[in-house]
Protein backbone atom coordinates (compact mmCIF):
# COMPACT_ATOMS: atom_id res chain seq x y z
CA UNK A 1 70.35 75.73 -30.42
CA UNK A 2 73.10 77.53 -28.47
CA UNK A 3 70.50 79.68 -26.71
CA UNK A 4 68.52 76.58 -25.78
CA UNK A 5 71.63 74.94 -24.29
CA UNK A 6 72.44 78.09 -22.31
CA UNK A 7 68.88 78.26 -21.01
CA UNK A 8 68.96 74.59 -20.08
CA UNK A 9 72.27 75.04 -18.26
CA UNK A 10 70.90 78.00 -16.32
CA UNK A 11 67.78 75.98 -15.45
CA UNK A 12 69.85 73.06 -14.14
CA UNK A 13 72.09 75.42 -12.16
CA UNK A 14 69.06 77.18 -10.68
CA UNK A 15 67.52 73.83 -9.75
CA UNK A 16 70.74 72.73 -8.02
CA UNK A 17 71.01 76.05 -6.24
CA UNK A 18 67.46 75.72 -5.03
CA UNK A 19 68.47 72.55 -3.19
CA UNK A 20 71.44 73.86 -1.22
CA UNK A 21 71.48 72.30 2.26
CA UNK A 22 73.18 74.89 4.49
CA UNK A 23 73.77 74.73 8.22
CA UNK A 24 75.49 77.05 10.69
CA UNK A 25 76.61 75.38 13.90
CA UNK A 26 77.82 77.86 16.49
CA UNK A 27 81.24 77.01 17.90
CA UNK A 28 81.99 74.24 15.40
CA UNK A 29 85.66 74.09 14.49
CA UNK A 30 86.78 73.39 10.93
CA UNK A 31 86.34 69.64 10.67
CA UNK A 32 84.83 66.80 8.66
CA UNK A 33 81.05 66.70 8.90
CA UNK A 34 79.02 63.82 7.48
CA UNK A 35 75.61 63.82 5.88
CA UNK A 36 73.72 60.63 6.71
CA UNK A 37 70.49 59.41 5.15
CA UNK A 38 67.83 57.15 6.54
CA UNK A 39 66.92 53.92 4.81
CA UNK A 40 64.37 52.36 7.09
CA UNK A 41 65.44 52.79 10.74
CA UNK A 42 69.18 52.97 10.01
CA UNK A 43 71.41 55.86 9.03
CA UNK A 44 73.96 55.49 6.22
CA UNK A 45 76.66 57.95 5.22
CA UNK A 46 75.64 59.86 2.11
CA UNK A 47 78.06 62.76 1.79
CA UNK A 48 81.02 64.45 3.47
CA UNK A 49 82.23 68.06 3.60
CA UNK A 50 84.67 70.10 5.65
CA UNK A 51 83.07 72.84 7.72
CA UNK A 52 84.37 76.42 7.46
CA UNK A 53 83.84 78.87 10.32
CA UNK A 54 80.94 76.77 11.56
CA UNK A 55 79.24 76.56 8.16
CA UNK A 56 78.35 73.23 6.55
CA UNK A 57 76.87 72.98 3.07
CA UNK A 58 75.77 70.09 0.84
CA UNK A 59 74.39 69.87 -2.68
CA UNK A 60 70.87 68.54 -2.16
CA UNK A 61 70.37 67.89 -5.88
CA UNK A 62 72.61 64.82 -5.52
CA UNK A 63 70.37 63.21 -2.92
CA UNK A 64 66.87 61.75 -2.88
CA UNK A 65 64.10 63.25 -0.81
CA UNK A 66 63.79 61.89 2.70
CA UNK A 67 64.96 62.34 6.27
CA UNK A 68 68.65 63.05 6.79
CA UNK A 69 71.03 63.82 9.62
CA UNK A 70 74.02 66.09 9.97
CA UNK A 71 76.57 64.09 11.96
CA UNK A 72 78.97 66.18 14.04
CA UNK A 73 82.18 65.09 15.78
CA UNK A 74 81.49 62.94 18.82
CA UNK A 75 78.63 61.14 17.03
CA UNK A 76 76.20 63.94 17.82
CA UNK A 77 73.66 64.60 15.10
CA UNK A 78 70.46 66.43 14.28
CA UNK A 79 67.82 65.43 11.77
CA UNK A 80 66.23 67.42 9.00
CA UNK A 81 63.97 66.91 5.99
CA UNK A 82 65.31 67.17 2.46
CA UNK A 83 62.56 67.45 -0.13
CA UNK A 84 63.79 69.43 -3.15
CA UNK A 85 63.87 72.80 -1.41
CA UNK A 86 66.65 74.99 -0.10
CA UNK A 87 67.49 74.39 3.56
CA UNK A 88 69.10 76.95 5.85
CA UNK A 89 69.27 76.10 9.55
CA UNK A 90 71.15 77.52 12.55
CA UNK A 91 72.22 75.73 15.76
CA UNK A 92 73.28 78.06 18.55
CA UNK A 93 74.18 75.39 21.13
CA UNK A 94 75.87 72.08 20.28
CA UNK A 95 74.77 70.67 23.64
CA UNK A 96 71.11 71.29 22.76
CA UNK A 97 70.89 70.63 19.04
CA UNK A 98 67.10 70.43 18.89
CA UNK A 99 66.21 73.04 21.47
CA UNK A 100 68.55 75.66 19.99
CA UNK A 101 67.57 74.98 16.37
CA UNK A 102 66.36 77.88 14.23
CA UNK A 103 65.07 77.26 10.70
CA UNK A 104 65.84 80.20 8.43
CA UNK A 105 64.68 78.58 5.21
CA UNK A 106 62.65 75.39 4.46
CA UNK A 107 58.94 75.07 5.09
CA UNK A 108 59.28 71.33 5.77
CA UNK A 109 61.85 71.84 8.51
CA UNK A 110 60.14 74.86 10.03
CA UNK A 111 56.99 72.75 10.48
CA UNK A 112 59.08 69.72 11.52
CA UNK A 113 60.84 71.46 14.41
CA UNK A 114 57.68 73.18 15.59
CA UNK A 115 56.06 69.74 15.58
CA UNK A 116 58.94 68.28 17.61
CA UNK A 117 58.59 71.09 20.16
CA UNK A 118 54.83 70.61 20.41
CA UNK A 119 55.10 66.81 20.83
CA UNK A 120 57.90 67.12 23.41
CA UNK A 121 55.83 69.46 25.55
CA UNK A 122 52.78 67.20 25.37
CA UNK A 123 54.86 64.13 26.16
CA UNK A 124 56.12 65.83 29.34
CA UNK A 125 52.55 66.66 30.34
CA UNK A 126 51.41 63.09 29.66
CA UNK A 127 54.33 61.67 31.66
CA UNK A 128 53.37 63.84 34.63
CA UNK A 129 49.72 62.78 34.38
CA UNK A 130 50.80 59.13 34.30
CA UNK A 131 52.76 59.60 37.51
CA UNK A 132 49.77 61.26 39.16
CA UNK A 133 47.47 58.47 37.97
CA UNK A 134 49.73 55.76 39.40
CA UNK A 135 49.96 57.63 42.72
CA UNK A 136 46.19 58.03 43.03
CA UNK A 137 44.00 55.39 44.66
CA UNK A 138 42.15 52.88 42.52
CA UNK A 139 38.61 53.92 41.51
CA UNK A 140 39.18 57.35 43.04
CA UNK A 141 37.62 60.54 41.59
CA UNK A 142 41.16 61.81 41.10
CA UNK A 143 41.94 59.00 38.67
CA UNK A 144 38.81 59.75 36.67
CA UNK A 145 39.82 63.40 36.51
CA UNK A 146 43.30 62.44 35.27
CA UNK A 147 41.77 60.20 32.60
CA UNK A 148 39.78 63.15 31.31
CA UNK A 149 42.88 65.35 31.29
CA UNK A 150 44.78 62.66 29.39
CA UNK A 151 41.99 62.47 26.83
CA UNK A 152 42.11 66.24 26.36
CA UNK A 153 45.87 66.07 25.76
CA UNK A 154 45.44 63.24 23.28
CA UNK A 155 42.71 65.15 21.44
CA UNK A 156 45.00 68.18 21.24
CA UNK A 157 47.73 66.07 19.64
CA UNK A 158 45.35 64.57 17.08
CA UNK A 159 43.93 67.99 16.23
CA UNK A 160 47.43 69.44 15.82
CA UNK A 161 48.51 66.55 13.59
CA UNK A 162 45.45 66.91 11.38
CA UNK A 163 46.02 70.65 11.12
CA UNK A 164 49.65 70.25 10.03
CA UNK A 165 48.73 67.62 7.44
CA UNK A 166 45.88 69.75 6.04
CA UNK A 167 48.09 72.86 5.78
CA UNK A 168 50.97 71.08 4.02
CA UNK A 169 49.50 68.99 1.19
CA UNK A 170 52.17 67.17 -0.82
CA UNK A 171 55.02 68.16 1.50
CA UNK A 172 57.06 65.39 3.04
CA UNK A 173 56.38 66.63 6.57
CA UNK A 174 52.69 65.90 5.99
CA UNK A 175 53.53 62.37 4.82
CA UNK A 176 55.72 61.80 7.89
CA UNK A 177 53.07 62.96 10.34
CA UNK A 178 50.36 60.97 8.56
CA UNK A 179 52.40 57.80 9.06
CA UNK A 180 52.79 58.51 12.80
CA UNK A 181 49.09 59.11 13.45
CA UNK A 182 47.12 56.41 15.22
CA UNK A 183 43.82 55.25 13.77
CA UNK A 184 40.98 56.92 15.67
CA UNK A 185 38.76 53.96 16.47
CA UNK A 186 34.95 54.26 16.45
CA UNK A 187 32.58 52.64 18.91
CA UNK A 188 31.30 49.23 17.76
CA UNK A 189 27.64 49.01 16.65
CA UNK A 190 25.16 47.97 19.33
CA UNK A 191 21.53 46.91 19.37
CA UNK A 192 18.76 48.52 21.39
CA UNK A 193 19.89 46.67 24.51
CA UNK A 194 23.44 47.93 24.16
CA UNK A 195 24.87 44.58 23.07
CA UNK A 196 27.66 44.72 20.46
CA UNK A 197 26.32 43.34 17.17
CA UNK A 198 29.63 43.03 15.32
CA UNK A 199 32.60 41.93 17.45
CA UNK A 200 35.01 42.39 14.52
CA UNK A 201 33.88 45.91 13.62
CA UNK A 202 36.64 47.82 15.41
CA UNK A 203 39.38 45.46 14.19
CA UNK A 204 38.16 45.65 10.59
CA UNK A 205 37.96 49.45 10.81
CA UNK A 206 41.50 49.59 12.21
CA UNK A 207 42.96 47.40 9.47
CA UNK A 208 41.02 49.16 6.71
CA UNK A 209 42.13 52.63 7.77
CA UNK A 210 45.64 51.89 9.07
CA UNK A 211 47.33 53.03 5.86
CA UNK A 212 45.03 55.97 5.09
CA UNK A 213 46.94 58.80 3.47
CA UNK A 214 50.02 56.69 2.66
CA UNK A 215 50.94 56.38 -1.01
CA UNK A 216 52.92 53.17 -1.55
CA UNK A 217 54.32 54.55 -4.80
CA UNK A 218 55.89 57.52 -2.97
CA UNK A 219 59.63 56.76 -3.02
CA UNK A 220 60.25 59.07 -0.07
CA UNK A 221 58.55 56.98 2.57
CA UNK A 222 61.35 54.42 3.00
CA UNK A 223 63.92 57.17 3.53
CA UNK A 224 62.68 57.59 7.09
CA UNK A 225 62.37 55.29 10.13
CA UNK A 226 58.67 56.14 10.38
CA UNK A 227 57.59 53.82 7.54
CA UNK A 228 59.62 50.94 9.00
CA UNK A 229 58.00 51.35 12.42
CA UNK A 230 54.51 51.55 10.93
CA UNK A 231 55.15 48.52 8.73
CA UNK A 232 56.56 46.48 11.60
CA UNK A 233 53.60 47.31 13.84
CA UNK A 234 51.06 46.40 11.15
CA UNK A 235 52.53 42.92 10.79
CA UNK A 236 52.67 42.28 14.53
CA UNK A 237 50.15 41.26 17.20
CA UNK A 238 49.37 44.98 17.58
CA UNK A 239 48.21 45.07 13.96
CA UNK A 240 46.62 42.32 11.90
CA UNK A 241 45.71 38.83 13.11
CA UNK A 242 48.81 36.65 13.37
CA UNK A 243 47.55 34.00 10.98
CA UNK A 244 49.68 33.11 7.91
CA UNK A 245 46.84 33.48 5.40
CA UNK A 246 45.87 36.87 6.85
CA UNK A 247 49.48 38.08 6.75
CA UNK A 248 49.82 36.92 3.15
CA UNK A 249 46.55 38.63 2.17
CA UNK A 250 47.59 42.04 3.46
CA UNK A 251 51.20 41.65 2.36
CA UNK A 252 50.07 41.02 -1.23
CA UNK A 253 47.57 43.90 -1.00
CA UNK A 254 50.40 46.29 -0.07
CA UNK A 255 52.96 44.97 -2.55
CA UNK A 256 50.46 45.15 -5.42
CA UNK A 257 50.14 48.91 -4.85
CA UNK A 258 53.89 49.49 -5.18
CA UNK A 259 56.04 50.20 -8.20
CA UNK A 260 57.81 46.88 -8.79
CA UNK A 261 59.85 47.95 -11.81
CA UNK A 262 61.28 51.41 -11.05
CA UNK A 263 64.64 50.54 -9.50
CA UNK A 264 65.05 54.08 -8.11
CA UNK A 265 61.91 53.62 -6.02
CA UNK A 266 62.91 51.39 -3.10
CA UNK A 267 59.49 51.02 -1.44
CA UNK A 268 58.79 47.63 -3.04
CA UNK A 269 62.32 46.37 -2.38
CA UNK A 270 62.29 47.51 1.25
CA UNK A 271 58.84 46.13 2.02
CA UNK A 272 59.37 42.76 0.36
CA UNK A 273 62.78 42.30 1.98
CA UNK A 274 61.39 43.29 5.39
CA UNK A 275 58.54 40.78 5.22
CA UNK A 276 60.71 38.02 3.76
CA UNK A 277 63.36 38.32 6.47
CA UNK A 278 60.77 38.70 9.24
CA UNK A 279 58.97 35.46 8.39
CA UNK A 280 62.04 33.48 7.39
CA UNK A 281 63.55 34.04 10.83
CA UNK A 282 60.36 33.95 12.90
CA UNK A 283 60.25 31.05 15.36
CA UNK A 284 56.46 30.83 15.55
CA UNK A 285 54.97 27.60 14.22
CA UNK A 286 53.37 27.90 10.80
CA UNK A 287 54.72 31.34 9.91
CA UNK A 288 57.15 29.79 7.43
CA UNK A 289 54.15 29.63 5.05
CA UNK A 290 54.49 33.41 4.64
CA UNK A 291 58.15 33.10 3.68
CA UNK A 292 57.34 30.25 1.29
CA UNK A 293 54.57 32.29 -0.37
CA UNK A 294 56.77 35.36 -0.82
CA UNK A 295 59.64 33.27 -2.18
CA UNK A 296 57.38 31.45 -4.62
CA UNK A 297 55.51 34.51 -5.87
CA UNK A 298 58.13 37.28 -5.83
CA UNK A 299 61.62 35.76 -5.99
CA UNK A 300 61.65 32.45 -7.80
CA UNK A 301 60.89 31.39 -11.36
CA UNK A 302 58.59 32.15 -13.04
CA UNK A 303 57.74 35.09 -10.76
CA UNK A 304 61.12 36.80 -10.43
CA UNK A 305 60.56 40.38 -9.29
CA UNK A 306 63.43 40.87 -6.83
CA UNK A 307 65.80 42.58 -9.28
CA UNK A 308 68.20 43.56 -6.47
CA UNK A 309 69.10 39.96 -5.60
CA UNK A 310 72.40 38.51 -6.79
CA UNK A 311 72.10 35.19 -8.70
CA UNK A 312 73.88 33.40 -5.84
CA UNK A 313 71.59 34.75 -3.12
CA UNK A 314 68.53 34.18 -5.26
CA UNK A 315 69.49 30.55 -5.77
CA UNK A 316 69.94 30.06 -2.02
CA UNK A 317 66.60 31.70 -1.24
CA UNK A 318 64.74 29.61 -3.81
CA UNK A 319 66.34 26.40 -2.57
CA UNK A 320 65.19 27.34 0.93
CA UNK A 321 61.72 28.13 -0.39
CA UNK A 322 61.50 24.69 -2.02
CA UNK A 323 62.59 22.92 1.18
CA UNK A 324 60.10 24.76 3.36
CA UNK A 325 57.32 24.16 0.84
CA UNK A 326 57.56 20.40 1.35
CA UNK A 327 56.59 20.53 5.01
CA UNK A 328 54.07 23.34 5.37
CA UNK A 329 51.36 22.80 7.95
CA UNK A 330 48.33 21.40 6.14
CA UNK A 331 50.38 19.58 3.51
CA UNK A 332 50.66 15.81 3.26
CA UNK A 333 53.92 14.77 4.89
CA UNK A 334 56.50 13.49 2.38
CA UNK A 335 56.58 9.69 2.44
CA UNK A 336 59.33 8.00 4.42
CA UNK A 337 60.32 4.35 4.05
CA UNK A 338 63.39 3.49 6.10
CA UNK A 339 64.88 0.34 7.69
CA UNK A 340 64.88 -0.62 11.34
CA UNK A 341 68.02 -1.74 13.19
CA UNK A 342 68.07 -5.10 11.35
CA UNK A 343 68.38 -3.25 8.04
CA UNK A 344 65.97 -5.86 6.67
CA UNK A 345 62.58 -4.44 7.65
CA UNK A 346 61.68 -1.31 5.69
CA UNK A 347 58.83 0.51 7.40
CA UNK A 348 56.54 2.78 5.41
CA UNK A 349 55.38 5.70 7.54
CA UNK A 350 52.14 5.92 5.54
CA UNK A 351 51.28 2.31 6.41
CA UNK A 352 51.51 2.91 10.14
CA UNK A 353 47.90 2.86 11.38
CA UNK A 354 47.40 5.68 13.88
CA UNK A 355 45.01 8.49 14.72
CA UNK A 356 48.09 10.69 14.97
CA UNK A 357 51.74 10.02 14.17
CA UNK A 358 54.59 11.76 15.96
CA UNK A 359 57.39 12.03 13.42
CA UNK A 360 60.63 12.41 15.37
CA UNK A 361 64.07 13.17 13.93
CA UNK A 362 67.04 12.68 16.23
CA UNK A 363 70.72 11.87 16.55
CA UNK A 364 72.01 9.39 19.17
CA UNK A 365 75.05 11.62 19.74
CA UNK A 366 73.12 14.87 20.08
CA UNK A 367 73.20 16.14 23.68
CA UNK A 368 69.66 17.47 23.64
CA UNK A 369 68.38 14.32 21.91
CA UNK A 370 69.81 12.23 24.72
CA UNK A 371 67.54 14.12 27.13
CA UNK A 372 64.51 14.43 24.87
CA UNK A 373 64.28 10.89 23.47
CA UNK A 374 63.77 9.14 26.87
CA UNK A 375 61.10 11.73 27.67
CA UNK A 376 59.37 10.87 24.40
CA UNK A 377 59.47 7.19 25.37
CA UNK A 378 57.88 8.00 28.74
CA UNK A 379 55.20 10.08 27.05
CA UNK A 380 54.57 7.28 24.54
CA UNK A 381 54.21 4.58 27.20
CA UNK A 382 52.10 6.60 29.66
CA UNK A 383 49.86 8.56 27.29
CA UNK A 384 50.27 8.29 23.54
CA UNK A 385 50.20 4.55 22.90
CA UNK A 386 46.84 3.96 24.58
CA UNK A 387 45.29 6.81 22.59
CA UNK A 388 46.18 5.33 19.19
CA UNK A 389 49.13 7.66 18.69
CA UNK A 390 52.27 6.18 17.17
CA UNK A 391 55.84 7.48 17.10
CA UNK A 392 57.91 7.09 13.94
CA UNK A 393 61.45 7.97 15.01
CA UNK A 394 64.12 8.59 12.37
CA UNK A 395 67.70 8.47 13.63
CA UNK A 396 71.00 9.48 12.15
CA UNK A 397 72.65 6.06 11.98
CA UNK A 398 75.50 6.36 9.50
CA UNK A 399 79.08 5.46 10.45
CA UNK A 400 79.66 4.82 14.17
CA UNK A 401 76.22 6.31 14.85
CA UNK A 402 74.72 2.95 13.83
CA UNK A 403 76.06 1.10 16.89
CA UNK A 404 75.34 4.11 19.13
CA UNK A 405 71.77 4.13 17.83
CA UNK A 406 71.17 0.44 18.59
CA UNK A 407 72.76 0.77 22.01
CA UNK A 408 70.63 3.80 22.86
CA UNK A 409 67.44 1.96 21.86
CA UNK A 410 68.29 -0.99 24.11
CA UNK A 411 69.56 1.06 27.05
CA UNK A 412 66.54 3.38 27.07
CA UNK A 413 64.04 0.62 26.14
CA UNK A 414 62.56 2.54 23.21
CA UNK A 415 59.39 0.70 22.19
CA UNK A 416 58.11 3.01 19.47
CA UNK A 417 59.02 2.59 15.79
CA UNK A 418 62.74 3.17 15.27
CA UNK A 419 64.16 3.55 11.76
CA UNK A 420 67.28 5.18 10.40
CA UNK A 421 69.55 5.81 7.47
CA UNK A 422 72.27 3.28 8.24
CA UNK A 423 75.82 3.26 6.92
CA UNK A 424 75.20 0.28 4.63
CA UNK A 425 72.13 1.93 3.14
CA UNK A 426 73.91 5.26 2.85
CA UNK A 427 76.94 3.72 1.10
CA UNK A 428 74.67 1.85 -1.32
CA UNK A 429 72.71 5.02 -2.05
CA UNK A 430 75.89 6.95 -2.79
CA UNK A 431 77.19 4.20 -5.07
CA UNK A 432 73.96 3.41 -6.95
CA UNK A 433 70.56 4.12 -5.38
CA UNK A 434 68.55 2.28 -8.04
CA UNK A 435 68.39 -1.12 -6.27
CA UNK A 436 67.18 0.65 -3.12
CA UNK A 437 64.38 2.37 -4.99
CA UNK A 438 62.58 -0.97 -5.19
CA UNK A 439 62.12 -0.64 -1.41
CA UNK A 440 62.12 3.09 -0.75
CA UNK A 441 62.21 6.57 -2.32
CA UNK A 442 64.86 9.20 -2.96
CA UNK A 443 63.00 11.53 -0.59
CA UNK A 444 63.44 8.92 2.16
CA UNK A 445 67.14 8.46 1.47
CA UNK A 446 67.53 12.25 1.59
CA UNK A 447 65.19 12.69 4.56
CA UNK A 448 67.23 15.49 6.17
CA UNK A 449 66.84 17.56 3.02
CA UNK A 450 63.25 16.47 2.43
CA UNK A 451 62.19 17.55 5.92
CA UNK A 452 64.68 20.40 6.25
CA UNK A 453 66.22 18.80 9.32
CA UNK A 454 69.09 21.24 9.87
CA UNK A 455 69.21 20.55 13.61
CA UNK A 456 67.92 17.90 16.00
CA UNK A 457 65.69 16.95 17.64
CA UNK A 458 62.77 17.81 15.36
CA UNK A 459 59.13 16.88 16.04
CA UNK A 460 56.20 16.84 13.61
CA UNK A 461 52.63 15.76 14.37
CA UNK A 462 50.67 14.13 11.55
CA UNK A 463 46.95 13.33 11.52
CA UNK A 464 45.48 9.99 10.44
CA UNK A 465 45.78 10.99 6.77
CA UNK A 466 49.44 11.91 7.37
CA UNK A 467 48.84 15.62 6.93
CA UNK A 468 51.15 17.86 8.95
CA UNK A 469 49.25 19.43 11.85
CA UNK A 470 52.08 20.74 14.04
CA UNK A 471 55.85 20.97 13.70
CA UNK A 472 59.06 22.20 15.34
CA UNK A 473 57.73 21.76 18.86
CA UNK A 474 59.29 20.51 22.10
CA UNK A 475 58.26 17.65 24.34
CA UNK A 476 56.22 19.90 26.65
CA UNK A 477 54.35 21.38 23.70
CA UNK A 478 53.83 17.92 22.23
CA UNK A 479 52.29 16.65 25.46
CA UNK A 480 50.05 19.69 25.79
CA UNK A 481 48.90 19.47 22.15
CA UNK A 482 48.22 15.75 22.23
CA UNK A 483 46.35 16.03 25.54
CA UNK A 484 44.25 18.83 24.08
CA UNK A 485 43.31 17.22 20.75
CA UNK A 486 42.56 13.85 22.33
CA UNK A 487 40.23 15.20 25.00
CA UNK A 488 42.69 15.11 27.90
CA UNK A 489 43.47 18.82 28.24
CA UNK A 490 43.08 18.74 32.03
CA UNK A 491 45.42 15.77 32.55
CA UNK A 492 48.43 16.29 34.79
CA UNK A 493 51.48 17.05 32.69
CA UNK A 494 54.47 14.73 32.79
CA UNK A 495 56.74 17.44 31.40
CA UNK A 496 55.58 20.94 32.40
CA UNK A 497 56.50 23.70 30.02
CA UNK A 498 58.88 25.38 32.45
CA UNK A 499 61.07 22.25 32.33
CA UNK A 500 61.52 22.45 28.55
CA UNK A 501 65.14 22.50 27.43
CA UNK A 502 66.09 25.28 25.04
CA UNK A 503 69.29 23.72 23.79
CA UNK A 504 69.48 22.30 20.25
CA UNK A 505 72.14 20.26 18.49
CA UNK A 506 73.19 21.79 15.17
């Protein structure tokens, strides 16, 4: 047993020794030098040592494989690959960290710095060709010649990348370069007359082969900015179609290939967080469906997979998911039954006969609402009303807002449907909502929560069945949309898009 323990100790020591990360920086005074690691596109401090006579050394066995940086005084740094091998590198000039780099030991880094040199040289050549192209006359033979030269340079890069990947199977440098390579697109199929027979062929090929050679279970890939950049591009207009269902389809396809349970493998965590944040904060109409889907299927009960979330943050995210889920485009709009200014007439939004209903949330004391609401009235009188389009406007009318609301309606001659949550109704609801439920619903009394109205004004467009067709749009967009879907796309616009106010009241 003692011999086994000794052998095991020697094996562990040898393994640790094999991962020594050693650097000699010429002219470096004895000082604190940080080791930083990449997680996505950002660097985080991972270790600290004091240099001696220009030598810096770290124990690589304590750190995961990935891309790292040695951070010198003055915030200068150079990158290197750590992948369970000894590293020995020498910098002869602190003012030219990359150009003066010599790799004494580490196959990954030897290939990495040769690759950097190759790509830098080709980038310079391509930059020069671009200048020559821009200086040449349009349709000139010179431009055609430059195009051919550019193609040759590009082919050289692709050939070099493929060569490096083929010669370094399993090494992290091969994974890195694979993730940087562009998909080489084929020509689309054509018939005998040269007409393209499948207009989606190139796109489908691009999407199908975009992730070729990338293993989503490889924990190393998130410890580099390359994966982040590739991921971000894939889920942008330069990648897949920007349609919620398409984004969800490919997001699920990727996530399903990842290790969702190994908490030391951060690929699933990084990817899910990246997509969740991207589509929670995106201001493009309809993209909140992606956030809702991810929240429902990966964070919230009964599908809890986000083990890294604190209970408090998870609760907030799931509450947000529930709110957004109520008003997704394509869903039936939650019913609203609210009183008009008399507080006697309760108007059911679903009983308003209209080809389309503009559901408008506003506040009589909101600065932007004061500008937007009269515009909506003008649009209603001059266009919407005659086309069978009704406006159901819900105002904040509690407290002193009630009198301000009535005054605003009279002053601005608002002729569309005006309802609100008045102070009397609000006080009754807070005391005992049950008598009110004979006239309305809890969702109506809590309309700001029901419709996630966290700022005003807010505009939704409902079809004749009261399904949500558009939401979170401005007056200019509303006019353009309603003109378009009612056959008046060419009509002169009352409120051109360039006049749209950006301000919102929070």
